[in-house]
Structure formats: structure tokens, C-alpha cells
PDB file of N, CA and C in Angstrom:
ATOM      1  N   MET A   1       0.847  -1.176   0.000  1.00  0.00           N
ATOM      2  CA  MET A   1       0.000   0.000   0.000  1.00  0.00           C
ATOM      3  C   MET A   1       0.889   1.234   0.000  1.00  0.00           C
ATOM      4  N   ASP A   2       0.590   2.143  -0.870  1.00  0.00           N
ATOM      5  CA  ASP A   2       1.442   3.313  -1.040  1.00  0.00           C
ATOM      6  C   ASP A   2       1.026   4.496  -0.180  1.00  0.00           C
ATOM      7  N   HIS A   3      -0.237   4.591   0.155  1.00  0.00           N
ATOM      8  CA  HIS A   3      -0.737   5.777   0.841  1.00  0.00           C
ATOM      9  C   HIS A   3      -1.165   5.438   2.263  1.00  0.00           C
ATOM     10  N   ASP A   4      -0.926   6.387   3.153  1.00  0.00           N
ATOM     11  CA  ASP A   4      -1.292   6.179   4.546  1.00  0.00           C
ATOM     12  C   ASP A   4      -2.788   5.949   4.716  1.00  0.00           C
ATOM     13  N   HIS A   5      -3.611   6.633   3.930  1.00  0.00           N
ATOM     14  CA  HIS A   5      -5.050   6.450   4.115  1.00  0.00           C
ATOM     15  C   HIS A   5      -5.464   5.015   3.777  1.00  0.00           C
ATOM     16  N   GLU A   6      -4.765   4.370   2.835  1.00  0.00           N
ATOM     17  CA  GLU A   6      -5.043   2.962   2.543  1.00  0.00           C
ATOM     18  C   GLU A   6      -4.616   2.081   3.715  1.00  0.00           C
ATOM     19  N   LEU A   7      -3.490   2.415   4.308  1.00  0.00           N
ATOM     20  CA  LEU A   7      -3.027   1.658   5.472  1.00  0.00           C
ATOM     21  C   LEU A   7      -3.985   1.821   6.641  1.00  0.00           C
ATOM     22  N   ILE A   8      -4.467   3.029   6.855  1.00  0.00           N
ATOM     23  CA  ILE A   8      -5.393   3.251   7.967  1.00  0.00           C
ATOM     24  C   ILE A   8      -6.695   2.493   7.737  1.00  0.00           C
ATOM     25  N   ALA A   9      -7.167   2.458   6.503  1.00  0.00           N
ATOM     26  CA  ALA A   9      -8.364   1.673   6.191  1.00  0.00           C
ATOM     27  C   ALA A   9      -8.111   0.191   6.488  1.00  0.00           C
ATOM     28  N   ALA A  10      -6.917  -0.295   6.156  1.00  0.00           N
ATOM     29  CA  ALA A  10      -6.582  -1.690   6.442  1.00  0.00           C
ATOM     30  C   ALA A  10      -6.502  -1.933   7.948  1.00  0.00           C
ATOM     31  N   VAL A  11      -5.943  -0.973   8.687  1.00  0.00           N
ATOM     32  CA  VAL A  11      -5.892  -1.087  10.147  1.00  0.00           C
ATOM     33  C   VAL A  11      -7.313  -1.145  10.699  1.00  0.00           C
ATOM     34  N   ALA A  12      -8.190  -0.314  10.186  1.00  0.00           N
ATOM     35  CA  ALA A  12      -9.583  -0.304  10.645  1.00  0.00           C
ATOM     36  C   ALA A  12     -10.253  -1.656  10.406  1.00  0.00           C
ATOM     37  N   ALA A  13      -9.795  -2.377   9.384  1.00  0.00           N
ATOM     38  CA  ALA A  13     -10.333  -3.703   9.082  1.00  0.00           C
ATOM     39  C   ALA A  13      -9.633  -4.803   9.887  1.00  0.00           C
ATOM     40  N   GLY A  14      -8.706  -4.402  10.769  1.00  0.00           N
ATOM     41  CA  GLY A  14      -8.039  -5.363  11.642  1.00  0.00           C
ATOM     42  C   GLY A  14      -6.712  -5.882  11.140  1.00  0.00           C
ATOM     43  N   ASP A  15      -6.118  -5.243  10.156  1.00  0.00           N
ATOM     44  CA  ASP A  15      -4.856  -5.688   9.569  1.00  0.00           C
ATOM     45  C   ASP A  15      -3.673  -5.165  10.383  1.00  0.00           C
ATOM     46  N   ASP A  16      -3.102  -6.040  11.214  1.00  0.00           N
ATOM     47  CA  ASP A  16      -1.985  -5.602  12.052  1.00  0.00           C
ATOM     48  C   ASP A  16      -0.707  -5.379  11.244  1.00  0.00           C
ATOM     49  N   THR A  17      -0.593  -5.989  10.077  1.00  0.00           N
ATOM     50  CA  THR A  17       0.548  -5.735   9.205  1.00  0.00           C
ATOM     51  C   THR A  17       0.540  -4.278   8.736  1.00  0.00           C
ATOM     52  N   ALA A  18      -0.641  -3.748   8.453  1.00  0.00           N
ATOM     53  CA  ALA A  18      -0.765  -2.344   8.047  1.00  0.00           C
ATOM     54  C   ALA A  18      -0.341  -1.422   9.192  1.00  0.00           C
ATOM     55  N   LEU A  19      -0.693  -1.783  10.415  1.00  0.00           N
ATOM     56  CA  LEU A  19      -0.264  -0.975  11.562  1.00  0.00           C
ATOM     57  C   LEU A  19       1.259  -0.993  11.686  1.00  0.00           C
ATOM     58  N   ARG A  20       1.860  -2.150  11.479  1.00  0.00           N
ATOM     59  CA  ARG A  20       3.325  -2.231  11.533  1.00  0.00           C
ATOM     60  C   ARG A  20       3.960  -1.367  10.453  1.00  0.00           C
ATOM     61  N   GLU A  21       3.340  -1.324   9.277  1.00  0.00           N
ATOM     62  CA  GLU A  21       3.853  -0.481   8.189  1.00  0.00           C
ATOM     63  C   GLU A  21       3.742   1.001   8.556  1.00  0.00           C
ATOM     64  N   LEU A  22       2.604   1.398   9.116  1.00  0.00           N
ATOM     65  CA  LEU A  22       2.463   2.791   9.569  1.00  0.00           C
ATOM     66  C   LEU A  22       3.519   3.124  10.614  1.00  0.00           C
ATOM     67  N   PHE A  23       3.736   2.197  11.539  1.00  0.00           N
ATOM     68  CA  PHE A  23       4.737   2.412  12.574  1.00  0.00           C
ATOM     69  C   PHE A  23       6.119   2.572  11.944  1.00  0.00           C
ATOM     70  N   ALA A  24       6.468   1.699  11.026  1.00  0.00           N
ATOM     71  CA  ALA A  24       7.782   1.769  10.376  1.00  0.00           C
ATOM     72  C   ALA A  24       7.964   3.088   9.629  1.00  0.00           C
ATOM     73  N   ARG A  25       6.892   3.580   9.033  1.00  0.00           N
ATOM     74  CA  ARG A  25       6.965   4.839   8.276  1.00  0.00           C
ATOM     75  C   ARG A  25       7.067   6.066   9.170  1.00  0.00           C
ATOM     76  N   HIS A  26       6.332   6.063  10.273  1.00  0.00           N
ATOM     77  CA  HIS A  26       6.160   7.306  11.026  1.00  0.00           C
ATOM     78  C   HIS A  26       6.809   7.343  12.401  1.00  0.00           C
ATOM     79  N   ALA A  27       7.094   6.203  13.000  1.00  0.00           N
ATOM     80  CA  ALA A  27       7.667   6.195  14.350  1.00  0.00           C
ATOM     81  C   ALA A  27       9.031   6.891  14.418  1.00  0.00           C
ATOM     82  N   PRO A  28       9.919   6.690  13.451  1.00  0.00           N
ATOM     83  CA  PRO A  28      11.215   7.388  13.557  1.00  0.00           C
ATOM     84  C   PRO A  28      11.064   8.912  13.566  1.00  0.00           C
ATOM     85  N   TRP A  29      10.206   9.417  12.703  1.00  0.00           N
ATOM     86  CA  TRP A  29       9.971  10.863  12.641  1.00  0.00           C
ATOM     87  C   TRP A  29       9.364  11.359  13.959  1.00  0.00           C
ATOM     88  N   LEU A  30       8.339  10.652  14.435  1.00  0.00           N
ATOM     89  CA  LEU A  30       7.680  11.055  15.674  1.00  0.00           C
ATOM     90  C   LEU A  30       8.624  10.947  16.861  1.00  0.00           C
ATOM     91  N   ALA A  31       9.395   9.885  16.924  1.00  0.00           N
ATOM     92  CA  ALA A  31      10.347   9.710  18.037  1.00  0.00           C
ATOM     93  C   ALA A  31      11.356  10.849  18.082  1.00  0.00           C
ATOM     94  N   ALA A  32      11.821  11.271  16.932  1.00  0.00           N
ATOM     95  CA  ALA A  32      12.783  12.380  16.903  1.00  0.00           C
ATOM     96  C   ALA A  32      12.171  13.645  17.483  1.00  0.00           C
ATOM     97  N   ARG A  33      10.926  13.900  17.170  1.00  0.00           N
ATOM     98  CA  ARG A  33      10.263  15.097  17.702  1.00  0.00           C
ATOM     99  C   ARG A  33       9.959  14.953  19.186  1.00  0.00           C
ATOM    100  N   LEU A  34       9.579  13.750  19.594  1.00  0.00           N
ATOM    101  CA  LEU A  34       9.297  13.521  21.012  1.00  0.00           C
ATOM    102  C   LEU A  34      10.556  13.682  21.856  1.00  0.00           C
ATOM    103  N   ARG A  35      11.694  13.241  21.330  1.00  0.00           N
ATOM    104  CA  ARG A  35      12.953  13.374  22.073  1.00  0.00           C
ATOM    105  C   ARG A  35      13.304  14.833  22.353  1.00  0.00           C
ATOM    106  N   ALA A  36      12.780  15.728  21.537  1.00  0.00           N
ATOM    107  CA  ALA A  36      13.051  17.157  21.735  1.00  0.00           C
ATOM    108  C   ALA A  36      12.255  17.729  22.905  1.00  0.00           C
ATOM    109  N   VAL A  37      11.180  17.042  23.308  1.00  0.00           N
ATOM    110  CA  VAL A  37      10.320  17.624  24.338  1.00  0.00           C
ATOM    111  C   VAL A  37      10.063  16.705  25.533  1.00  0.00           C
ATOM    112  N   LEU A  38      10.491  15.441  25.444  1.00  0.00           N
ATOM    113  CA  LEU A  38      10.220  14.490  26.524  1.00  0.00           C
ATOM    114  C   LEU A  38      11.510  13.883  27.053  1.00  0.00           C
ATOM    115  N   PRO A  39      11.484  13.435  28.295  1.00  0.00           N
ATOM    116  CA  PRO A  39      12.615  12.668  28.803  1.00  0.00           C
ATOM    117  C   PRO A  39      12.746  11.377  27.980  1.00  0.00           C
ATOM    118  N   PRO A  40      13.964  10.909  27.754  1.00  0.00           N
ATOM    119  CA  PRO A  40      14.170   9.709  26.934  1.00  0.00           C
ATOM    120  C   PRO A  40      13.329   8.500  27.369  1.00  0.00           C
ATOM    121  N   ALA A  41      13.145   8.336  28.657  1.00  0.00           N
ATOM    122  CA  ALA A  41      12.381   7.188  29.154  1.00  0.00           C
ATOM    123  C   ALA A  41      10.913   7.225  28.729  1.00  0.00           C
ATOM    124  N   ASP A  42      10.399   8.393  28.386  1.00  0.00           N
ATOM    125  CA  ASP A  42       8.986   8.523  28.031  1.00  0.00           C
ATOM    126  C   ASP A  42       8.708   8.367  26.539  1.00  0.00           C
ATOM    127  N   VAL A  43       9.729   8.474  25.722  1.00  0.00           N
ATOM    128  CA  VAL A  43       9.525   8.475  24.269  1.00  0.00           C
ATOM    129  C   VAL A  43       8.877   7.175  23.806  1.00  0.00           C
ATOM    130  N   GLU A  44       9.401   6.032  24.209  1.00  0.00           N
ATOM    131  CA  GLU A  44       8.854   4.740  23.764  1.00  0.00           C
ATOM    132  C   GLU A  44       7.414   4.566  24.240  1.00  0.00           C
ATOM    133  N   ASP A  45       7.123   4.984  25.468  1.00  0.00           N
ATOM    134  CA  ASP A  45       5.751   4.874  25.977  1.00  0.00           C
ATOM    135  C   ASP A  45       4.783   5.701  25.138  1.00  0.00           C
ATOM    136  N   VAL A  46       5.185   6.917  24.805  1.00  0.00           N
ATOM    137  CA  VAL A  46       4.308   7.787  24.015  1.00  0.00           C
ATOM    138  C   VAL A  46       4.119   7.211  22.612  1.00  0.00           C
ATOM    139  N   LEU A  47       5.175   6.678  22.029  1.00  0.00           N
ATOM    140  CA  LEU A  47       5.041   6.038  20.716  1.00  0.00           C
ATOM    141  C   LEU A  47       4.054   4.879  20.775  1.00  0.00           C
ATOM    142  N   GLN A  48       4.186   4.027  21.771  1.00  0.00           N
ATOM    143  CA  GLN A  48       3.281   2.883  21.902  1.00  0.00           C
ATOM    144  C   GLN A  48       1.842   3.344  22.099  1.00  0.00           C
ATOM    145  N   GLU A  49       1.634   4.328  22.946  1.00  0.00           N
ATOM    146  CA  GLU A  49       0.281   4.832  23.186  1.00  0.00           C
ATOM    147  C   GLU A  49      -0.311   5.466  21.922  1.00  0.00           C
ATOM    148  N   THR A  50       0.532   6.161  21.170  1.00  0.00           N
ATOM    149  CA  THR A  50       0.073   6.806  19.943  1.00  0.00           C
ATOM    150  C   THR A  50      -0.408   5.773  18.940  1.00  0.00           C
ATOM    151  N   PHE A  51       0.386   4.737  18.714  1.00  0.00           N
ATOM    152  CA  PHE A  51      -0.001   3.743  17.720  1.00  0.00           C
ATOM    153  C   PHE A  51      -1.081   2.803  18.235  1.00  0.00           C
ATOM    154  N   LEU A  52      -1.188   2.641  19.535  1.00  0.00           N
ATOM    155  CA  LEU A  52      -2.330   1.924  20.098  1.00  0.00           C
ATOM    156  C   LEU A  52      -3.618   2.707  19.823  1.00  0.00           C
ATOM    157  N   ALA A  53      -3.547   4.025  19.945  1.00  0.00           N
ATOM    158  CA  ALA A  53      -4.712   4.867  19.630  1.00  0.00           C
ATOM    159  C   ALA A  53      -5.079   4.765  18.148  1.00  0.00           C
ATOM    160  N   VAL A  54      -4.067   4.686  17.281  1.00  0.00           N
ATOM    161  CA  VAL A  54      -4.343   4.490  15.853  1.00  0.00           C
ATOM    162  C   VAL A  54      -5.090   3.173  15.657  1.00  0.00           C
ATOM    163  N   TRP A  55      -4.610   2.109  16.287  1.00  0.00           N
ATOM    164  CA  TRP A  55      -5.243   0.795  16.166  1.00  0.00           C
ATOM    165  C   TRP A  55      -6.692   0.845  16.638  1.00  0.00           C
ATOM    166  N   ARG A  56      -6.915   1.458  17.781  1.00  0.00           N
ATOM    167  CA  ARG A  56      -8.258   1.487  18.369  1.00  0.00           C
ATOM    168  C   ARG A  56      -9.223   2.408  17.629  1.00  0.00           C
ATOM    169  N   ASN A  57      -8.698   3.455  16.987  1.00  0.00           N
ATOM    170  CA  ASN A  57      -9.570   4.487  16.418  1.00  0.00           C
ATOM    171  C   ASN A  57      -9.478   4.629  14.905  1.00  0.00           C
ATOM    172  N   ALA A  58      -8.827   3.703  14.241  1.00  0.00           N
ATOM    173  CA  ALA A  58      -8.655   3.808  12.788  1.00  0.00           C
ATOM    174  C   ALA A  58     -10.002   3.888  12.070  1.00  0.00           C
ATOM    175  N   ASN A  59     -11.018   3.264  12.620  1.00  0.00           N
ATOM    176  CA  ASN A  59     -12.334   3.291  11.969  1.00  0.00           C
ATOM    177  C   ASN A  59     -12.996   4.662  12.007  1.00  0.00           C
ATOM    178  N   THR A  60     -12.453   5.590  12.771  1.00  0.00           N
ATOM    179  CA  THR A  60     -13.030   6.936  12.820  1.00  0.00           C
ATOM    180  C   THR A  60     -12.290   7.912  11.910  1.00  0.00           C
ATOM    181  N   TYR A  61     -11.210   7.448  11.295  1.00  0.00           N
ATOM    182  CA  TYR A  61     -10.394   8.309  10.427  1.00  0.00           C
ATOM    183  C   TYR A  61     -11.168   8.703   9.180  1.00  0.00           C
ATOM    184  N   ARG A  62     -11.068   9.978   8.829  1.00  0.00           N
ATOM    185  CA  ARG A  62     -11.639  10.487   7.586  1.00  0.00           C
ATOM    186  C   ARG A  62     -10.544  11.261   6.871  1.00  0.00           C
ATOM    187  N   PRO A  63     -10.251  10.897   5.614  1.00  0.00           N
ATOM    188  CA  PRO A  63      -9.241  11.665   4.880  1.00  0.00           C
ATOM    189  C   PRO A  63      -9.619  13.137   4.848  1.00  0.00           C
ATOM    190  N   GLN A  64      -8.616  13.987   4.795  1.00  0.00           N
ATOM    191  CA  GLN A  64      -8.859  15.427   4.775  1.00  0.00           C
ATOM    192  C   GLN A  64      -9.817  15.761   3.643  1.00  0.00           C
ATOM    193  N   GLY A  65     -10.803  16.598   3.953  1.00  0.00           N
ATOM    194  CA  GLY A  65     -11.782  17.006   2.954  1.00  0.00           C
ATOM    195  C   GLY A  65     -13.008  16.113   2.924  1.00  0.00           C
ATOM    196  N   THR A  66     -13.003  15.026   3.706  1.00  0.00           N
ATOM    197  CA  THR A  66     -14.152  14.136   3.771  1.00  0.00           C
ATOM    198  C   THR A  66     -14.866  14.382   5.088  1.00  0.00           C
ATOM    199  N   PRO A  67     -16.118  14.807   5.045  1.00  0.00           N
ATOM    200  CA  PRO A  67     -16.820  15.055   6.305  1.00  0.00           C
ATOM    201  C   PRO A  67     -17.020  13.766   7.087  1.00  0.00           C
ATOM    202  N   ALA A  68     -16.884  13.852   8.388  1.00  0.00           N
ATOM    203  CA  ALA A  68     -17.063  12.685   9.244  1.00  0.00           C
ATOM    204  C   ALA A  68     -18.499  12.193   9.181  1.00  0.00           C
ATOM    205  N   ALA A  69     -19.427  13.100   9.149  1.00  0.00           N
ATOM    206  CA  ALA A  69     -20.836  12.730   9.043  1.00  0.00           C
ATOM    207  C   ALA A  69     -21.565  13.874   8.356  1.00  0.00           C
ATOM    208  N   ALA A  70     -22.092  13.607   7.202  1.00  0.00           N
ATOM    209  CA  ALA A  70     -22.837  14.644   6.483  1.00  0.00           C
ATOM    210  C   ALA A  70     -24.240  14.728   7.067  1.00  0.00           C
ATOM    211  N   PRO A  71     -24.744  15.937   7.281  1.00  0.00           N
ATOM    212  CA  PRO A  71     -26.103  16.078   7.784  1.00  0.00           C
ATOM    213  C   PRO A  71     -27.104  15.577   6.755  1.00  0.00           C
ATOM    214  N   ALA A  72     -28.308  15.271   7.201  1.00  0.00           N
ATOM    215  CA  ALA A  72     -29.361  14.811   6.300  1.00  0.00           C
ATOM    216  C   ALA A  72     -29.531  15.803   5.153  1.00  0.00           C
ATOM    217  N   GLY A  73     -29.661  15.297   3.977  1.00  0.00           N
ATOM    218  CA  GLY A  73     -29.794  16.167   2.811  1.00  0.00           C
ATOM    219  C   GLY A  73     -28.461  16.578   2.234  1.00  0.00           C
ATOM    220  N   GLY A  74     -27.356  16.240   2.908  1.00  0.00           N
ATOM    221  CA  GLY A  74     -26.030  16.541   2.383  1.00  0.00           C
ATOM    222  C   GLY A  74     -25.613  17.989   2.515  1.00  0.00           C
ATOM    223  N   ARG A  75     -26.372  18.814   3.189  1.00  0.00           N
ATOM    224  CA  ARG A  75     -26.022  20.238   3.350  1.00  0.00           C
ATOM    225  C   ARG A  75     -25.381  20.451   4.697  1.00  0.00           C
ATOM    226  N   ASP A  76     -24.505  21.417   4.730  1.00  0.00           N
ATOM    227  CA  ASP A  76     -23.898  21.835   5.994  1.00  0.00           C
ATOM    228  C   ASP A  76     -24.986  22.484   6.831  1.00  0.00           C
ATOM    229  N   GLN A  77     -25.081  22.111   8.084  1.00  0.00           N
ATOM    230  CA  GLN A  77     -26.113  22.642   8.954  1.00  0.00           C
ATOM    231  C   GLN A  77     -25.982  24.136   9.166  1.00  0.00           C
ATOM    232  N   HIS A  78     -24.801  24.699   8.925  1.00  0.00           N
ATOM    233  CA  HIS A  78     -24.597  26.116   9.163  1.00  0.00           C
ATOM    234  C   HIS A  78     -24.889  26.953   7.931  1.00  0.00           C
ATOM    235  N   GLN A  79     -25.232  26.324   6.826  1.00  0.00           N
ATOM    236  CA  GLN A  79     -25.564  27.085   5.628  1.00  0.00           C
ATOM    237  C   GLN A  79     -26.967  27.623   5.762  1.00  0.00           C
ATOM    238  N   PRO A  80     -27.206  28.838   5.213  1.00  0.00           N
ATOM    239  CA  PRO A  80     -28.564  29.376   5.278  1.00  0.00           C
ATOM    240  C   PRO A  80     -29.508  28.628   4.367  1.00  0.00           C
TER     241      PRO A  80
END
């Protein structure tokens, strides 16, 4: 799978291989940023919690520009 949104869809379907791929792609980048703001002992815990949240909540992911839930009739509730 080439795109993260495809991997997240696979994770939502229970594909743990897709989660491992997301981790391999993004954990090094995230760990580097976490090391800038967290004690070293906390970095691995935060990484694990982050990807556990991805696993648990992948079914709620909506690609950018896709509404999470369109109101009845397909109109934005705030439109006149």
C-alpha cells in the first residue's frame, strides 16, 4: 500500500501488518520530535500509546476534505 489512508483503512479492518507499516513509516519521525520535548524514558511509551490509539480508532479516520458525518440532505447545517 502506497498511501497512509489505505493503510489506515486496512488497520480499521483489523490488519496488524498495516499498523506495523504505519509504525515503520512514522515512528522514527515522531520519536525524533518527542525526544526534543520528553525525557528519553517517556519516548517509547508515548510512541506505543500513539499507535495503540491508531489501532483502536482507525475506523473513525476520515481523509482530509471528507466530512465525518454529512447532515441529512447533504447540506452543511450552518448554511442558510
